[in-house]
Amino acid sequence: MGLGSSHPKPFPGDILEFPRNKYFSHFGIYYGERDGVPYVAHLTCRDSETKLLLFGRALRSEVKLDPVEVVGRRYKVRNMLDEVHPPRDFYSVVKPAIDDMMGKDVTFDILFHNSEHQATLFRYGLKKSTQIEKVYIQILPTWKELFKKRKL
C-alpha cells in the first residue's frame, strides 16, 4: 500500500505524502484507525465553488478527516524534518490540534499555507513546504534579474 514508505504501516502523527503529479504532492497527518479503517487529517477545499484558481487560493478550505484510500491509494511516509525538529506528541498535542481545527474555515494558499505547510505545522509546530521551496529556488533568480532591470 505504501509507496516507498519508510514504515510498512504508518503510525499516528506520521506525515503522509500523496503524489499528485510531477511537481506537487498532497500531504496529511496519519490519524489512526476507526473501525479498522485508516484515516488521514488533511487540508482540503470544502467544495469546488470556493476555489480561486487564479492565485492558487481557496478561501473556504478546512482540515478534514478522510479514509486514507479516499485521499489516495499511493502514499509514502514523509517525516522529512524529524532529524532537525523533534515531532510533537500525537496524543497530547497533534490529535487535539487536529480535532480543534476540523470544520473551521482556513484559507488555502499554494505558496504560504498548503497541505504540506499544515501537516508540518501539526507534526512539528512550524510551517514548512519543501516542494514550494524547490519552486522558489527556480523562480527567485529570474525575479532577482527582473527587479534589477526594473521590469517587475
N, C-alpha and C. Protein backbone atom coordinates (compact mmCIF):
# COMPACT_ATOMS: atom_id res chain seq x y z
N MET A 1 0.83 -1.19 0.00
CA MET A 1 0.00 0.00 0.00
C MET A 1 0.87 1.25 0.00
N GLY A 2 1.90 1.29 0.83
CA GLY A 2 2.77 2.46 0.87
C GLY A 2 3.65 2.54 -0.37
N LEU A 3 3.97 3.73 -0.79
CA LEU A 3 4.79 3.97 -1.97
C LEU A 3 6.20 4.29 -1.50
N GLY A 4 7.08 3.31 -1.43
CA GLY A 4 8.43 3.54 -0.96
C GLY A 4 8.45 4.06 0.46
N SER A 5 7.52 3.61 1.28
CA SER A 5 7.36 4.10 2.63
C SER A 5 8.49 3.65 3.53
N SER A 6 8.90 4.51 4.47
CA SER A 6 9.91 4.12 5.43
C SER A 6 9.31 3.22 6.50
N HIS A 7 8.01 3.19 6.62
CA HIS A 7 7.29 2.29 7.51
C HIS A 7 6.27 1.54 6.65
N PRO A 8 6.22 0.18 6.79
CA PRO A 8 5.18 -0.52 6.03
C PRO A 8 3.79 -0.05 6.44
N LYS A 9 3.64 0.31 7.71
CA LYS A 9 2.35 0.81 8.20
C LYS A 9 2.62 2.12 8.93
N PRO A 10 1.90 3.19 8.58
CA PRO A 10 2.15 4.47 9.25
C PRO A 10 1.71 4.44 10.72
N PHE A 11 2.32 5.29 11.50
CA PHE A 11 1.98 5.46 12.90
C PHE A 11 1.22 6.78 13.07
N PRO A 12 0.29 6.87 14.03
CA PRO A 12 -0.41 8.15 14.24
C PRO A 12 0.59 9.29 14.43
N GLY A 13 0.36 10.36 13.66
CA GLY A 13 1.25 11.52 13.69
C GLY A 13 2.22 11.57 12.54
N ASP A 14 2.37 10.47 11.78
CA ASP A 14 3.26 10.48 10.61
C ASP A 14 2.66 11.37 9.52
N ILE A 15 3.55 12.01 8.78
CA ILE A 15 3.11 12.78 7.61
C ILE A 15 3.04 11.82 6.43
N LEU A 16 1.90 11.83 5.75
CA LEU A 16 1.73 11.01 4.55
C LEU A 16 1.77 11.93 3.34
N GLU A 17 2.54 11.52 2.34
CA GLU A 17 2.63 12.25 1.08
C GLU A 17 1.91 11.46 0.00
N PHE A 18 0.97 12.11 -0.68
CA PHE A 18 0.21 11.52 -1.77
C PHE A 18 0.63 12.21 -3.07
N PRO A 19 1.48 11.57 -3.89
CA PRO A 19 1.92 12.21 -5.13
C PRO A 19 0.74 12.52 -6.04
N ARG A 20 0.72 13.75 -6.57
CA ARG A 20 -0.37 14.16 -7.47
C ARG A 20 0.09 14.25 -8.92
N ASN A 21 1.25 14.86 -9.13
CA ASN A 21 1.80 14.97 -10.48
C ASN A 21 3.31 15.09 -10.37
N LYS A 22 3.96 15.43 -11.45
CA LYS A 22 5.43 15.52 -11.50
C LYS A 22 5.98 16.54 -10.51
N TYR A 23 5.20 17.57 -10.17
CA TYR A 23 5.72 18.67 -9.36
C TYR A 23 5.18 18.73 -7.94
N PHE A 24 3.94 18.35 -7.75
CA PHE A 24 3.31 18.56 -6.45
C PHE A 24 2.70 17.29 -5.87
N SER A 25 2.66 17.29 -4.55
CA SER A 25 2.02 16.21 -3.79
C SER A 25 1.04 16.83 -2.81
N HIS A 26 0.15 16.01 -2.31
CA HIS A 26 -0.78 16.41 -1.26
C HIS A 26 -0.30 15.75 0.02
N PHE A 27 -0.44 16.44 1.16
CA PHE A 27 0.07 15.93 2.43
C PHE A 27 -1.02 15.90 3.49
N GLY A 28 -0.86 14.99 4.42
CA GLY A 28 -1.76 14.92 5.56
C GLY A 28 -1.07 14.23 6.72
N ILE A 29 -1.76 14.17 7.85
CA ILE A 29 -1.24 13.51 9.05
C ILE A 29 -2.03 12.23 9.26
N TYR A 30 -1.30 11.12 9.41
CA TYR A 30 -1.98 9.86 9.69
C TYR A 30 -2.61 9.95 11.07
N TYR A 31 -3.91 9.74 11.12
CA TYR A 31 -4.70 9.94 12.34
C TYR A 31 -4.91 8.64 13.11
N GLY A 32 -4.78 7.53 12.43
CA GLY A 32 -5.04 6.24 13.07
C GLY A 32 -6.25 5.58 12.45
N GLU A 33 -6.68 4.49 13.08
CA GLU A 33 -7.81 3.73 12.54
C GLU A 33 -9.08 3.96 13.35
N ARG A 34 -10.18 3.92 12.63
CA ARG A 34 -11.52 3.93 13.23
C ARG A 34 -12.25 2.76 12.61
N ASP A 35 -12.68 1.83 13.43
CA ASP A 35 -13.38 0.62 12.96
C ASP A 35 -12.56 -0.11 11.89
N GLY A 36 -11.24 -0.13 12.06
CA GLY A 36 -10.37 -0.83 11.13
C GLY A 36 -10.04 -0.09 9.86
N VAL A 37 -10.53 1.15 9.71
CA VAL A 37 -10.28 1.96 8.51
C VAL A 37 -9.24 3.02 8.86
N PRO A 38 -8.10 3.07 8.13
CA PRO A 38 -7.09 4.09 8.40
C PRO A 38 -7.54 5.47 7.90
N TYR A 39 -7.32 6.50 8.74
CA TYR A 39 -7.74 7.87 8.41
C TYR A 39 -6.55 8.82 8.35
N VAL A 40 -6.72 9.86 7.55
CA VAL A 40 -5.72 10.92 7.43
C VAL A 40 -6.42 12.26 7.61
N ALA A 41 -5.78 13.16 8.37
CA ALA A 41 -6.27 14.54 8.52
C ALA A 41 -5.49 15.39 7.51
N HIS A 42 -6.21 16.15 6.70
CA HIS A 42 -5.54 16.93 5.66
C HIS A 42 -6.30 18.21 5.36
N LEU A 43 -5.56 19.20 4.86
CA LEU A 43 -6.16 20.48 4.47
C LEU A 43 -6.71 20.33 3.06
N THR A 44 -7.99 20.61 2.90
CA THR A 44 -8.62 20.45 1.60
C THR A 44 -9.72 21.49 1.41
N CYS A 45 -10.07 21.74 0.15
CA CYS A 45 -11.15 22.68 -0.15
C CYS A 45 -12.48 22.03 0.19
N ARG A 46 -13.41 22.84 0.68
CA ARG A 46 -14.73 22.29 1.04
C ARG A 46 -15.53 21.89 -0.19
N ASP A 47 -15.48 22.73 -1.22
CA ASP A 47 -16.18 22.40 -2.46
C ASP A 47 -15.55 23.18 -3.59
N SER A 48 -15.82 22.74 -4.80
CA SER A 48 -15.16 23.33 -5.97
C SER A 48 -15.58 24.78 -6.21
N GLU A 49 -16.72 25.20 -5.69
CA GLU A 49 -17.19 26.57 -5.93
C GLU A 49 -16.37 27.61 -5.14
N THR A 50 -15.63 27.18 -4.13
CA THR A 50 -14.90 28.14 -3.30
C THR A 50 -13.46 28.31 -3.73
N LYS A 51 -13.03 27.62 -4.77
CA LYS A 51 -11.64 27.71 -5.20
C LYS A 51 -11.42 28.99 -6.02
N LEU A 52 -10.32 29.66 -5.75
CA LEU A 52 -9.88 30.78 -6.57
C LEU A 52 -8.60 30.33 -7.26
N LEU A 53 -8.75 29.68 -8.36
CA LEU A 53 -7.61 29.03 -9.01
C LEU A 53 -6.58 30.01 -9.54
N LEU A 54 -7.00 31.23 -9.87
CA LEU A 54 -6.09 32.19 -10.47
C LEU A 54 -4.87 32.45 -9.60
N PHE A 55 -5.06 32.58 -8.31
CA PHE A 55 -3.95 32.90 -7.42
C PHE A 55 -3.54 31.73 -6.55
N GLY A 56 -4.01 30.53 -6.84
CA GLY A 56 -3.66 29.37 -6.04
C GLY A 56 -4.21 29.45 -4.64
N ARG A 57 -5.39 30.06 -4.49
CA ARG A 57 -6.00 30.23 -3.18
C ARG A 57 -7.41 29.68 -3.18
N ALA A 58 -7.82 29.25 -2.00
CA ALA A 58 -9.21 28.85 -1.77
C ALA A 58 -9.58 29.37 -0.40
N LEU A 59 -10.57 30.24 -0.35
CA LEU A 59 -10.92 30.90 0.91
C LEU A 59 -11.63 29.98 1.88
N ARG A 60 -12.37 29.02 1.39
CA ARG A 60 -13.12 28.13 2.28
C ARG A 60 -12.55 26.73 2.23
N SER A 61 -11.42 26.56 2.85
CA SER A 61 -10.81 25.25 3.00
C SER A 61 -10.96 24.85 4.45
N GLU A 62 -10.64 23.60 4.73
CA GLU A 62 -10.72 23.11 6.11
C GLU A 62 -9.82 21.91 6.29
N VAL A 63 -9.52 21.61 7.54
CA VAL A 63 -8.85 20.37 7.87
C VAL A 63 -9.95 19.32 7.98
N LYS A 64 -9.78 18.26 7.24
CA LYS A 64 -10.81 17.24 7.15
C LYS A 64 -10.21 15.88 7.47
N LEU A 65 -11.02 14.99 8.01
CA LEU A 65 -10.61 13.63 8.31
C LEU A 65 -11.26 12.71 7.29
N ASP A 66 -10.43 12.03 6.49
CA ASP A 66 -10.93 11.13 5.45
C ASP A 66 -10.20 9.80 5.52
N PRO A 67 -10.85 8.73 5.05
CA PRO A 67 -10.12 7.47 4.93
C PRO A 67 -8.92 7.66 4.00
N VAL A 68 -7.80 7.03 4.33
CA VAL A 68 -6.58 7.17 3.52
C VAL A 68 -6.86 6.87 2.06
N GLU A 69 -7.62 5.82 1.75
CA GLU A 69 -7.87 5.45 0.36
C GLU A 69 -8.68 6.49 -0.40
N VAL A 70 -9.47 7.32 0.30
CA VAL A 70 -10.22 8.39 -0.37
C VAL A 70 -9.25 9.48 -0.83
N VAL A 71 -8.23 9.74 -0.03
CA VAL A 71 -7.24 10.77 -0.37
C VAL A 71 -6.31 10.26 -1.46
N GLY A 72 -5.93 8.99 -1.40
CA GLY A 72 -5.08 8.40 -2.43
C GLY A 72 -4.66 7.00 -2.07
N ARG A 73 -4.58 6.16 -3.07
CA ARG A 73 -4.16 4.77 -2.84
C ARG A 73 -2.64 4.66 -2.72
N ARG A 74 -1.93 5.60 -3.34
CA ARG A 74 -0.47 5.60 -3.29
C ARG A 74 -0.02 6.72 -2.34
N TYR A 75 0.84 6.35 -1.42
CA TYR A 75 1.38 7.35 -0.49
C TYR A 75 2.69 6.84 0.07
N LYS A 76 3.41 7.73 0.71
CA LYS A 76 4.61 7.34 1.44
C LYS A 76 4.68 8.16 2.72
N VAL A 77 5.31 7.59 3.72
CA VAL A 77 5.53 8.32 4.97
C VAL A 77 6.67 9.30 4.71
N ARG A 78 6.45 10.58 5.05
CA ARG A 78 7.43 11.63 4.74
C ARG A 78 7.68 12.52 5.96
N ASN A 79 8.24 11.96 7.00
CA ASN A 79 8.57 12.75 8.19
C ASN A 79 9.90 13.45 7.95
N MET A 80 9.88 14.39 7.00
CA MET A 80 11.09 14.97 6.43
C MET A 80 11.90 15.85 7.37
N LEU A 81 11.32 16.31 8.45
CA LEU A 81 12.04 17.22 9.34
C LEU A 81 12.43 16.58 10.67
N ASP A 82 12.22 15.29 10.82
CA ASP A 82 12.49 14.62 12.10
C ASP A 82 13.93 14.79 12.58
N GLU A 83 14.88 14.87 11.64
CA GLU A 83 16.28 14.98 12.04
C GLU A 83 16.63 16.37 12.57
N VAL A 84 15.86 17.38 12.23
CA VAL A 84 16.18 18.74 12.69
C VAL A 84 15.14 19.32 13.65
N HIS A 85 13.92 18.77 13.63
CA HIS A 85 12.86 19.24 14.53
C HIS A 85 12.18 18.02 15.16
N PRO A 86 12.19 17.92 16.47
CA PRO A 86 11.53 16.76 17.08
C PRO A 86 10.02 16.82 16.86
N PRO A 87 9.43 15.69 16.47
CA PRO A 87 7.97 15.68 16.29
C PRO A 87 7.27 15.85 17.64
N ARG A 88 6.14 16.52 17.60
CA ARG A 88 5.34 16.72 18.81
C ARG A 88 4.55 15.45 19.11
N ASP A 89 4.21 15.24 20.36
CA ASP A 89 3.47 14.06 20.77
C ASP A 89 2.09 14.06 20.11
N PHE A 90 1.75 12.94 19.47
CA PHE A 90 0.49 12.87 18.75
C PHE A 90 -0.71 12.98 19.68
N TYR A 91 -0.73 12.20 20.74
CA TYR A 91 -1.94 12.11 21.56
C TYR A 91 -2.17 13.34 22.44
N SER A 92 -1.12 13.99 22.90
CA SER A 92 -1.32 15.15 23.78
C SER A 92 -1.31 16.49 23.04
N VAL A 93 -0.70 16.55 21.84
CA VAL A 93 -0.59 17.83 21.13
C VAL A 93 -1.24 17.80 19.74
N VAL A 94 -0.80 16.86 18.90
CA VAL A 94 -1.22 16.86 17.50
C VAL A 94 -2.70 16.50 17.33
N LYS A 95 -3.14 15.41 17.95
CA LYS A 95 -4.55 15.00 17.81
C LYS A 95 -5.51 16.08 18.32
N PRO A 96 -5.27 16.68 19.51
CA PRO A 96 -6.16 17.77 19.93
C PRO A 96 -6.14 18.96 18.97
N ALA A 97 -4.97 19.26 18.39
CA ALA A 97 -4.88 20.38 17.43
C ALA A 97 -5.69 20.07 16.18
N ILE A 98 -5.61 18.82 15.70
CA ILE A 98 -6.40 18.42 14.53
C ILE A 98 -7.88 18.49 14.86
N ASP A 99 -8.28 17.92 15.98
CA ASP A 99 -9.70 17.93 16.37
C ASP A 99 -10.23 19.35 16.49
N ASP A 100 -9.40 20.26 17.00
CA ASP A 100 -9.80 21.65 17.16
C ASP A 100 -9.96 22.37 15.82
N MET A 101 -9.14 22.01 14.83
CA MET A 101 -9.16 22.68 13.52
C MET A 101 -10.29 22.19 12.60
N MET A 102 -10.76 20.96 12.83
CA MET A 102 -11.76 20.41 11.91
C MET A 102 -13.02 21.25 11.87
N GLY A 103 -13.46 21.54 10.65
CA GLY A 103 -14.69 22.29 10.45
C GLY A 103 -14.52 23.80 10.44
N LYS A 104 -13.34 24.30 10.77
CA LYS A 104 -13.11 25.75 10.77
C LYS A 104 -12.61 26.19 9.41
N ASP A 105 -13.01 27.40 9.00
CA ASP A 105 -12.54 27.95 7.74
C ASP A 105 -11.05 28.25 7.81
N VAL A 106 -10.33 27.79 6.79
CA VAL A 106 -8.90 28.05 6.66
C VAL A 106 -8.68 28.49 5.22
N THR A 107 -7.85 29.49 5.01
CA THR A 107 -7.53 29.91 3.65
C THR A 107 -6.36 29.08 3.15
N PHE A 108 -6.60 28.32 2.09
CA PHE A 108 -5.54 27.56 1.43
C PHE A 108 -4.81 28.52 0.51
N ASP A 109 -3.50 28.50 0.56
CA ASP A 109 -2.68 29.32 -0.32
C ASP A 109 -1.51 28.46 -0.76
N ILE A 110 -1.37 28.24 -2.05
CA ILE A 110 -0.36 27.32 -2.57
C ILE A 110 1.05 27.69 -2.11
N LEU A 111 1.35 28.99 -1.97
CA LEU A 111 2.69 29.41 -1.59
C LEU A 111 2.90 29.53 -0.09
N PHE A 112 1.86 29.89 0.66
CA PHE A 112 2.05 30.22 2.07
C PHE A 112 1.31 29.33 3.06
N HIS A 113 0.28 28.61 2.61
CA HIS A 113 -0.42 27.71 3.52
C HIS A 113 -1.10 26.59 2.72
N ASN A 114 -0.29 25.64 2.29
CA ASN A 114 -0.83 24.50 1.55
C ASN A 114 -0.89 23.28 2.47
N SER A 115 -1.23 22.12 1.91
CA SER A 115 -1.39 20.93 2.75
C SER A 115 -0.09 20.51 3.42
N GLU A 116 1.04 20.75 2.77
CA GLU A 116 2.33 20.41 3.39
C GLU A 116 2.63 21.35 4.55
N HIS A 117 2.35 22.65 4.38
CA HIS A 117 2.50 23.60 5.50
C HIS A 117 1.67 23.15 6.69
N GLN A 118 0.42 22.75 6.43
CA GLN A 118 -0.48 22.35 7.51
C GLN A 118 0.02 21.08 8.20
N ALA A 119 0.48 20.11 7.43
CA ALA A 119 0.97 18.86 8.01
C ALA A 119 2.21 19.09 8.88
N THR A 120 3.15 19.91 8.40
CA THR A 120 4.35 20.18 9.21
C THR A 120 4.00 21.02 10.44
N LEU A 121 3.00 21.88 10.31
CA LEU A 121 2.56 22.66 11.46
C LEU A 121 2.00 21.75 12.55
N PHE A 122 1.21 20.77 12.16
CA PHE A 122 0.69 19.81 13.13
C PHE A 122 1.83 18.99 13.76
N ARG A 123 2.68 18.40 12.94
CA ARG A 123 3.70 17.47 13.45
C ARG A 123 4.82 18.18 14.22
N TYR A 124 5.30 19.31 13.69
CA TYR A 124 6.49 19.95 14.27
C TYR A 124 6.21 21.28 14.96
N GLY A 125 5.05 21.86 14.71
CA GLY A 125 4.76 23.17 15.27
C GLY A 125 5.32 24.30 14.44
N LEU A 126 5.72 24.01 13.19
CA LEU A 126 6.20 25.05 12.28
C LEU A 126 5.75 24.74 10.87
N LYS A 127 5.50 25.82 10.12
CA LYS A 127 5.03 25.68 8.74
C LYS A 127 6.22 25.61 7.81
N LYS A 128 6.26 24.56 7.00
CA LYS A 128 7.34 24.40 6.03
C LYS A 128 6.81 23.60 4.85
N SER A 129 7.23 23.99 3.65
CA SER A 129 6.84 23.27 2.45
C SER A 129 8.07 23.10 1.56
N THR A 130 8.64 21.91 1.58
CA THR A 130 9.83 21.66 0.78
C THR A 130 9.54 21.74 -0.71
N GLN A 131 8.32 21.37 -1.13
CA GLN A 131 8.01 21.43 -2.56
C GLN A 131 7.92 22.89 -3.03
N ILE A 132 7.43 23.78 -2.20
CA ILE A 132 7.37 25.20 -2.58
C ILE A 132 8.77 25.82 -2.54
N GLU A 133 9.60 25.38 -1.59
CA GLU A 133 10.98 25.88 -1.54
C GLU A 133 11.73 25.55 -2.82
N LYS A 134 11.45 24.37 -3.41
CA LYS A 134 12.07 24.00 -4.69
C LYS A 134 11.61 24.95 -5.79
N VAL A 135 10.35 25.34 -5.75
CA VAL A 135 9.83 26.30 -6.74
C VAL A 135 10.52 27.65 -6.57
N TYR A 136 10.66 28.10 -5.31
CA TYR A 136 11.34 29.37 -5.05
C TYR A 136 12.76 29.38 -5.61
N ILE A 137 13.48 28.28 -5.45
CA ILE A 137 14.86 28.20 -5.94
C ILE A 137 14.91 28.44 -7.45
N GLN A 138 13.90 27.96 -8.17
CA GLN A 138 13.84 28.15 -9.62
C GLN A 138 13.39 29.56 -10.00
N ILE A 139 12.44 30.12 -9.23
CA ILE A 139 11.84 31.40 -9.58
C ILE A 139 12.69 32.60 -9.14
N LEU A 140 13.24 32.53 -7.95
CA LEU A 140 13.93 33.70 -7.39
C LEU A 140 15.05 34.27 -8.26
N PRO A 141 15.92 33.47 -8.87
CA PRO A 141 16.94 34.08 -9.73
C PRO A 141 16.34 34.87 -10.88
N THR A 142 15.24 34.38 -11.45
CA THR A 142 14.57 35.09 -12.54
C THR A 142 13.98 36.40 -12.04
N TRP A 143 13.31 36.36 -10.87
CA TRP A 143 12.73 37.57 -10.31
C TRP A 143 13.80 38.59 -9.94
N LYS A 144 14.92 38.11 -9.40
CA LYS A 144 16.01 39.00 -9.00
C LYS A 144 16.52 39.79 -10.20
N GLU A 145 16.67 39.10 -11.32
CA GLU A 145 17.14 39.76 -12.54
C GLU A 145 16.11 40.79 -13.03
N LEU A 146 14.84 40.45 -12.98
CA LEU A 146 13.78 41.40 -13.39
C LEU A 146 13.74 42.62 -12.48
N PHE A 147 13.95 42.41 -11.18
CA PHE A 147 13.99 43.54 -10.25
C PHE A 147 15.16 44.46 -10.57
N LYS A 148 16.31 43.88 -10.88
CA LYS A 148 17.50 44.67 -11.22
C LYS A 148 17.21 45.54 -12.46
N LYS A 149 16.52 44.95 -13.42
CA LYS A 149 16.20 45.67 -14.67
C LYS A 149 14.95 46.52 -14.53
N ARG A 150 14.36 46.53 -13.34
CA ARG A 150 13.15 47.30 -13.03
C ARG A 150 11.98 46.93 -13.97
N LYS A 151 11.86 45.64 -14.26
CA LYS A 151 10.78 45.16 -15.11
C LYS A 151 9.72 44.42 -14.30
N LEU A 152 9.90 44.38 -12.99
CA LEU A 152 8.94 43.70 -12.12
C LEU A 152 8.65 44.56 -10.92
